Amino acid sequence: MKKIAAFLSVLFLLGSIACNKDWVSEQFKHYVSFKAPINGDDVTPIHIRYKPDGAVNYQLPVIVSGSTNNDNDLLVHIGVDSDTLIAFNNANFQNRTDLYYKELTSQYFTIPGTVSIPKEANTNTINIGFSLKNIDLVNKWILPLTIQPSDGYTPNPRRNYSKALLRIVPFNDYSGVYSGTALKIYLKGEENGSAIVKSEIEAYVVDENSVFFYAGTVDENKTDRRYYKVYAHFDDQTKEVTLRSDNPSMKLNVNQKIYYTVEDVKDELQPYLVHRYVTINNIDYNFTDYTSAANASIDYTVRGSLIMERKINTQIPDEDQAIQW
């Protein structure tokens, strides 16, 4: 029995050595990829602080995959990939061209043509510069990027790794997704009757202190959504919110002054986490839907409040990364 046990021990040791040698050599491939995780819409949202008078930089990681370190000095070529965005829109939205993502035009961004990844390093970042003044977020903007083939490296063959559809999401202190459960939408004249309620209402950046949202039940899936934009300006001195429209045909009328509050609450279990609540109170306005029904207009009254929560990790210095989107 002792001889058998000794023999088995030697076999186990030899097997362990063989396994360890396996890990010395590459188990996979040194493919080059973007680190751009996709959401449920198969795009990659990137949140960028809106700054009216200057560019904002976003660092997009480029990585070399594999079980061992990169063993070459790589010069990775980056390009804009319009064809992938066209194919994505056709596959997902077909004839609903109003839902298509729009390619971000060159006036809003700059990218380098290449990024270097030194030997023994497995990652670097592309510095993308954004200047988003006057961008109209009625359109859903995408910056489509690709890792272009070149000598010395191989782009990852999987589409979501060698290509990135970056959904551009500028933010300010008041933009984001608000809970709409306390905002009631009535047929005008029937304010004591049943109401329509939307669970969420999204507010999009206009400038540093302004956002817009869509009136009533309109959202970004509606063909004529651009006609129902309601602009909201936040005065950080008076805490008043001023609503306006640039479309006289929707007949926006605000019935009373609207105010907002901002409150920070520390998380009870995670003290580094801050819950920031933006609440808009006393909302009361009327508008006319003049496009949904042929040859008819429908008047609505909208009353109630909106609240948005942001979770902010105070241990992270970069604002776009600190906010748990």
Protein backbone atom coordinates (compact mmCIF):
# COMPACT_ATOMS: atom_id res chain seq x y z
CA MET A 1 0.00 0.00 0.00
CA LYS A 2 2.85 2.40 0.78
CA LYS A 3 4.31 1.80 -2.71
CA ILE A 4 0.92 2.47 -4.33
CA ALA A 5 0.44 5.67 -2.32
CA ALA A 6 3.92 6.88 -3.26
CA PHE A 7 3.25 6.11 -6.93
CA LEU A 8 -0.04 8.05 -6.87
CA SER A 9 1.68 11.01 -5.19
CA VAL A 10 4.30 11.13 -7.95
CA LEU A 11 1.55 11.03 -10.62
CA PHE A 12 -0.33 13.86 -8.87
CA LEU A 13 2.85 15.95 -8.68
CA LEU A 14 3.64 15.40 -12.35
CA GLY A 15 0.06 16.27 -13.27
CA SER A 16 0.23 19.48 -11.24
CA ILE A 17 3.46 20.49 -12.96
CA ALA A 18 1.89 19.82 -16.36
CA CYS A 19 -1.15 21.93 -15.47
CA ASN A 20 1.04 24.77 -14.29
CA LYS A 21 2.95 24.66 -17.58
CA ASP A 22 -0.37 24.97 -19.42
CA TRP A 23 -0.96 28.34 -17.78
CA VAL A 24 2.46 29.60 -18.83
CA SER A 25 1.41 29.55 -22.48
CA GLU A 26 -1.51 31.55 -23.87
CA GLN A 27 -4.90 29.90 -23.40
CA PHE A 28 -6.89 32.23 -25.63
CA LYS A 29 -6.05 34.93 -28.21
CA HIS A 30 -4.59 38.40 -27.85
CA TYR A 31 -7.60 40.09 -29.42
CA VAL A 32 -7.97 43.87 -29.15
CA SER A 33 -11.36 45.08 -27.88
CA PHE A 34 -13.24 48.07 -26.55
CA LYS A 35 -14.44 47.92 -22.97
CA ALA A 36 -17.95 49.20 -23.72
CA PRO A 37 -20.63 47.13 -21.97
CA ILE A 38 -24.04 47.33 -23.63
CA ASN A 39 -27.41 47.95 -22.01
CA GLY A 40 -30.81 46.41 -22.79
CA ASP A 41 -30.99 48.39 -26.03
CA ASP A 42 -27.66 46.91 -27.22
CA VAL A 43 -25.88 50.28 -27.06
CA THR A 44 -23.38 51.71 -24.58
CA PRO A 45 -24.63 54.79 -22.70
CA ILE A 46 -21.86 57.22 -21.76
CA HIS A 47 -22.74 60.05 -19.40
CA ILE A 48 -20.98 63.36 -20.03
CA ARG A 49 -21.23 66.46 -17.84
CA TYR A 50 -22.66 69.28 -19.95
CA LYS A 51 -20.33 72.28 -20.12
CA PRO A 52 -21.46 75.13 -22.37
CA ASP A 53 -18.06 76.76 -22.93
CA GLY A 54 -15.60 73.90 -23.10
CA ALA A 55 -14.85 70.37 -24.17
CA VAL A 56 -15.32 67.42 -21.85
CA ASN A 57 -13.06 64.39 -22.19
CA TYR A 58 -14.27 60.81 -21.94
CA GLN A 59 -11.82 57.93 -21.47
CA LEU A 60 -12.85 54.81 -23.41
CA PRO A 61 -10.77 51.74 -22.48
CA VAL A 62 -9.15 49.56 -25.12
CA ILE A 63 -7.98 46.17 -23.86
CA VAL A 64 -5.92 43.20 -25.02
CA SER A 65 -7.58 39.91 -24.09
CA GLY A 66 -5.85 36.65 -23.17
CA SER A 67 -4.48 34.74 -20.20
CA THR A 68 -0.97 36.20 -20.53
CA ASN A 69 0.35 39.73 -20.85
CA ASN A 70 0.51 41.48 -24.18
CA ASP A 71 3.95 40.78 -25.63
CA ASN A 72 4.12 43.47 -28.33
CA ASP A 73 4.06 47.25 -28.66
CA LEU A 74 0.70 47.82 -30.35
CA LEU A 75 -0.57 50.81 -32.30
CA VAL A 76 -4.32 50.31 -32.49
CA HIS A 77 -6.24 52.17 -35.21
CA ILE A 78 -9.64 53.64 -34.30
CA GLY A 79 -12.29 54.81 -36.73
CA VAL A 80 -15.90 55.95 -37.03
CA ASP A 81 -18.11 53.11 -38.27
CA SER A 82 -21.24 54.47 -39.95
CA ASP A 83 -22.09 51.14 -41.61
CA THR A 84 -22.57 49.34 -38.31
CA LEU A 85 -24.98 52.02 -37.09
CA ILE A 86 -26.97 51.82 -40.35
CA ALA A 87 -27.23 48.03 -40.03
CA PHE A 88 -28.20 48.32 -36.35
CA ASN A 89 -31.01 50.79 -37.10
CA ASN A 90 -32.36 48.69 -39.97
CA ALA A 91 -32.35 45.52 -37.89
CA ASN A 92 -33.96 47.04 -34.80
CA PHE A 93 -36.39 49.67 -36.13
CA GLN A 94 -37.00 48.78 -39.80
CA ASN A 95 -39.43 51.39 -41.22
CA ARG A 96 -39.68 53.44 -37.99
CA THR A 97 -37.03 55.89 -39.10
CA ASP A 98 -38.17 58.33 -36.40
CA LEU A 99 -36.72 55.89 -33.84
CA TYR A 100 -33.35 55.56 -35.57
CA TYR A 101 -30.25 56.52 -33.66
CA LYS A 102 -28.48 59.46 -35.31
CA GLU A 103 -24.75 59.44 -35.94
CA LEU A 104 -23.07 62.13 -33.86
CA THR A 105 -21.77 64.77 -36.23
CA SER A 106 -18.11 65.77 -36.18
CA GLN A 107 -18.83 69.25 -34.74
CA TYR A 108 -19.55 67.60 -31.38
CA PHE A 109 -16.51 65.35 -30.91
CA THR A 110 -12.84 64.68 -31.63
CA ILE A 111 -11.06 61.33 -31.46
CA PRO A 112 -7.46 60.31 -32.06
CA GLY A 113 -6.81 58.03 -35.02
CA THR A 114 -4.67 55.63 -32.97
CA VAL A 115 -3.99 54.54 -29.42
CA SER A 116 -0.80 52.77 -28.29
CA ILE A 117 -0.68 49.81 -25.93
CA PRO A 118 2.90 49.15 -24.79
CA LYS A 119 4.43 45.71 -24.40
CA GLU A 120 3.49 44.05 -21.07
CA ALA A 121 0.48 46.37 -20.75
CA ASN A 122 -3.02 45.09 -21.45
CA THR A 123 -5.03 48.29 -21.58
CA ASN A 124 -5.02 51.95 -22.50
CA THR A 125 -7.72 54.58 -23.03
CA ILE A 126 -8.89 56.63 -25.98
CA ASN A 127 -9.34 60.27 -25.05
CA ILE A 128 -12.57 61.37 -26.77
CA GLY A 129 -13.30 65.09 -26.62
CA PHE A 130 -16.94 66.21 -26.59
CA SER A 131 -18.30 69.73 -27.05
CA LEU A 132 -22.07 69.44 -26.85
CA LYS A 133 -23.30 73.04 -26.79
CA ASN A 134 -26.69 73.40 -28.54
CA ILE A 135 -27.06 69.66 -29.20
CA ASP A 136 -30.73 68.70 -29.67
CA LEU A 137 -31.54 65.62 -27.62
CA VAL A 138 -34.81 65.03 -29.39
CA ASN A 139 -32.48 62.92 -31.54
CA LYS A 140 -30.86 59.85 -30.01
CA TRP A 141 -27.18 60.42 -30.75
CA ILE A 142 -24.68 57.59 -31.26
CA LEU A 143 -20.95 57.75 -31.82
CA PRO A 144 -20.18 54.46 -33.64
CA LEU A 145 -16.54 53.37 -33.30
CA THR A 146 -14.58 50.41 -34.61
CA ILE A 147 -11.15 48.89 -34.11
CA GLN A 148 -9.70 48.82 -37.59
CA PRO A 149 -7.58 45.88 -38.74
CA SER A 150 -3.85 46.53 -39.02
CA ASP A 151 -0.52 44.73 -38.84
CA GLY A 152 0.52 43.54 -35.39
CA TYR A 153 -2.86 42.85 -33.79
CA THR A 154 -6.26 41.28 -34.43
CA PRO A 155 -9.56 43.03 -33.59
CA ASN A 156 -11.88 40.89 -31.51
CA PRO A 157 -14.11 38.93 -33.95
CA ARG A 158 -17.19 39.51 -31.76
CA ARG A 159 -19.09 42.60 -32.93
CA ASN A 160 -19.85 44.02 -29.47
CA TYR A 161 -16.15 43.93 -28.62
CA SER A 162 -14.43 45.32 -31.73
CA LYS A 163 -17.19 47.89 -32.25
CA ALA A 164 -18.84 50.34 -29.85
CA LEU A 165 -22.14 52.15 -30.29
CA LEU A 166 -21.73 54.95 -27.76
CA ARG A 167 -25.09 56.53 -26.80
CA ILE A 168 -24.30 60.11 -25.87
CA VAL A 169 -26.07 61.16 -22.66
CA PRO A 170 -25.15 64.68 -21.50
CA PHE A 171 -26.20 65.44 -17.94
CA ASN A 172 -26.56 68.43 -15.63
CA ASP A 173 -27.81 68.70 -12.05
CA TYR A 174 -31.46 68.35 -13.09
CA SER A 175 -31.49 65.90 -15.99
CA GLY A 176 -32.34 62.24 -15.70
CA VAL A 177 -35.27 59.93 -15.06
CA TYR A 178 -37.93 61.25 -12.68
CA SER A 179 -40.60 59.18 -11.00
CA GLY A 180 -43.92 60.24 -12.52
CA THR A 181 -46.29 58.41 -10.19
CA ALA A 182 -47.30 61.67 -8.45
CA LEU A 183 -47.93 63.55 -11.70
CA LYS A 184 -51.52 63.26 -12.95
CA ILE A 185 -52.62 63.86 -16.54
CA TYR A 186 -56.31 64.77 -16.98
CA LEU A 187 -58.55 65.68 -19.84
CA LYS A 188 -59.05 69.41 -19.38
CA GLY A 189 -62.31 70.07 -17.55
CA GLU A 190 -62.29 66.64 -15.92
CA GLU A 191 -59.65 67.25 -13.27
CA ASN A 192 -61.78 65.52 -10.63
CA GLY A 193 -62.07 62.38 -12.73
CA SER A 194 -59.69 59.57 -13.58
CA ALA A 195 -56.11 60.44 -14.49
CA ILE A 196 -53.36 59.00 -16.65
CA VAL A 197 -50.05 58.36 -14.87
CA LYS A 198 -46.65 57.64 -16.40
CA SER A 199 -44.26 55.69 -14.19
CA GLU A 200 -41.20 57.58 -15.47
CA ILE A 201 -40.55 60.91 -17.15
CA GLU A 202 -37.13 61.64 -18.59
CA ALA A 203 -35.61 65.13 -18.56
CA TYR A 204 -32.96 65.92 -21.20
CA VAL A 205 -30.22 68.55 -21.06
CA VAL A 206 -30.76 71.90 -22.77
CA ASP A 207 -28.07 73.92 -21.02
CA GLU A 208 -26.34 74.08 -17.65
CA ASN A 209 -29.50 75.00 -15.72
CA SER A 210 -32.25 73.83 -18.07
CA VAL A 211 -33.78 70.58 -19.27
CA PHE A 212 -36.71 69.62 -21.43
CA PHE A 213 -39.27 66.85 -21.06
CA TYR A 214 -42.21 65.82 -23.20
CA ALA A 215 -45.69 67.03 -22.27
CA GLY A 216 -48.30 64.66 -20.93
CA THR A 217 -47.91 61.08 -22.13
CA VAL A 218 -45.54 61.91 -25.00
CA ASP A 219 -42.15 60.16 -24.89
CA GLU A 220 -39.22 59.51 -27.20
CA ASN A 221 -41.10 56.70 -28.96
CA LYS A 222 -43.69 59.12 -30.38
CA THR A 223 -43.19 60.14 -34.00
CA ASP A 224 -43.96 63.84 -33.46
CA ARG A 225 -42.35 64.17 -30.03
CA ARG A 226 -40.34 67.27 -31.02
CA TYR A 227 -43.57 69.33 -31.10
CA TYR A 228 -44.28 68.65 -27.40
CA LYS A 229 -41.07 69.73 -25.72
CA VAL A 230 -41.56 71.55 -22.41
CA TYR A 231 -38.46 73.47 -21.33
CA ALA A 232 -37.78 73.77 -17.60
CA HIS A 233 -35.29 76.34 -16.28
CA PHE A 234 -34.06 75.92 -12.67
CA ASP A 235 -33.16 79.13 -10.83
CA ASP A 236 -30.66 78.15 -8.14
CA GLN A 237 -31.28 81.42 -6.25
CA THR A 238 -35.10 81.51 -6.03
CA LYS A 239 -35.54 77.72 -6.41
CA GLU A 240 -38.23 78.43 -8.97
CA VAL A 241 -38.78 76.33 -12.10
CA THR A 242 -39.95 78.20 -15.18
CA LEU A 243 -41.72 76.23 -17.90
CA ARG A 244 -41.98 77.33 -21.53
CA SER A 245 -42.49 75.98 -25.03
CA ASP A 246 -41.12 77.06 -28.40
CA ASN A 247 -44.20 75.67 -30.20
CA PRO A 248 -47.26 77.96 -30.00
CA SER A 249 -49.46 75.22 -31.47
CA MET A 250 -49.29 73.13 -28.26
CA LYS A 251 -50.73 76.10 -26.33
CA LEU A 252 -48.72 75.58 -23.17
CA ASN A 253 -50.16 77.50 -20.24
CA VAL A 254 -48.63 77.39 -16.74
CA ASN A 255 -51.20 77.95 -13.99
CA GLN A 256 -49.03 78.62 -10.94
CA LYS A 257 -45.45 79.07 -9.78
CA ILE A 258 -43.40 75.89 -9.61
CA TYR A 259 -40.57 75.31 -7.13
CA TYR A 260 -37.93 72.66 -6.60
CA THR A 261 -35.81 71.33 -3.75
CA VAL A 262 -32.52 69.41 -3.62
CA GLU A 263 -31.82 67.16 -0.62
CA ASP A 264 -28.80 64.99 0.13
CA VAL A 265 -29.33 61.98 2.40
CA LYS A 266 -26.52 59.67 3.52
CA ASP A 267 -27.14 55.98 3.11
CA GLU A 268 -27.66 54.31 6.48
CA LEU A 269 -25.71 51.16 5.58
CA GLN A 270 -23.12 52.61 3.17
CA PRO A 271 -21.97 55.98 4.58
CA TYR A 272 -19.93 56.80 1.45
CA LEU A 273 -23.13 56.69 -0.61
CA VAL A 274 -25.28 59.83 -0.88
CA HIS A 275 -28.86 59.84 -2.15
CA ARG A 276 -29.59 63.15 -3.85
CA TYR A 277 -33.28 63.91 -4.38
CA VAL A 278 -34.44 66.60 -6.80
CA THR A 279 -38.16 67.29 -6.27
CA ILE A 280 -40.29 69.56 -8.48
CA ASN A 281 -43.46 70.68 -6.69
CA ASN A 282 -46.70 72.45 -7.64
CA ILE A 283 -46.64 71.43 -11.30
CA ASP A 284 -49.83 72.67 -12.96
CA TYR A 285 -50.02 73.32 -16.69
CA ASN A 286 -52.31 72.86 -19.70
CA PHE A 287 -51.39 71.90 -23.24
CA THR A 288 -53.07 70.85 -26.46
CA ASP A 289 -52.36 67.63 -28.33
CA TYR A 290 -53.10 68.64 -31.91
CA THR A 291 -51.48 65.75 -33.83
CA SER A 292 -52.74 62.47 -32.34
CA ALA A 293 -56.27 62.62 -33.75
CA ALA A 294 -57.01 63.66 -37.34
CA ASN A 295 -58.80 67.01 -37.59
CA ALA A 296 -59.16 67.24 -33.80
CA SER A 297 -57.35 68.66 -30.79
CA ILE A 298 -57.33 67.30 -27.24
CA ASP A 299 -56.69 69.58 -24.25
CA TYR A 300 -54.97 68.24 -21.15
CA THR A 301 -54.25 69.40 -17.60
CA VAL A 302 -51.10 68.12 -15.89
CA ARG A 303 -50.79 68.45 -12.10
CA GLY A 304 -48.59 67.06 -9.35
CA SER A 305 -44.90 66.62 -8.64
CA LEU A 306 -41.80 64.85 -9.91
CA ILE A 307 -38.88 63.38 -7.99
CA MET A 308 -35.50 62.14 -9.19
CA GLU A 309 -32.97 60.19 -7.12
CA ARG A 310 -29.26 60.07 -7.83
CA LYS A 311 -26.98 57.72 -5.95
CA ILE A 312 -23.52 59.24 -5.63
CA ASN A 313 -20.44 57.33 -4.47
CA THR A 314 -18.38 60.01 -2.69
CA GLN A 315 -15.26 57.83 -2.82
CA ILE A 316 -15.02 58.17 -6.60
CA PRO A 317 -13.53 61.50 -7.79
CA ASP A 318 -14.82 61.40 -11.38
CA GLU A 319 -18.38 62.70 -11.33
CA ASP A 320 -19.69 60.66 -14.25
CA GLN A 321 -18.32 57.50 -12.59
CA ALA A 322 -19.45 58.44 -9.07
CA ILE A 323 -23.11 58.62 -10.06
CA GLN A 324 -24.68 55.18 -10.15
CA TRP A 325 -26.60 55.47 -13.37
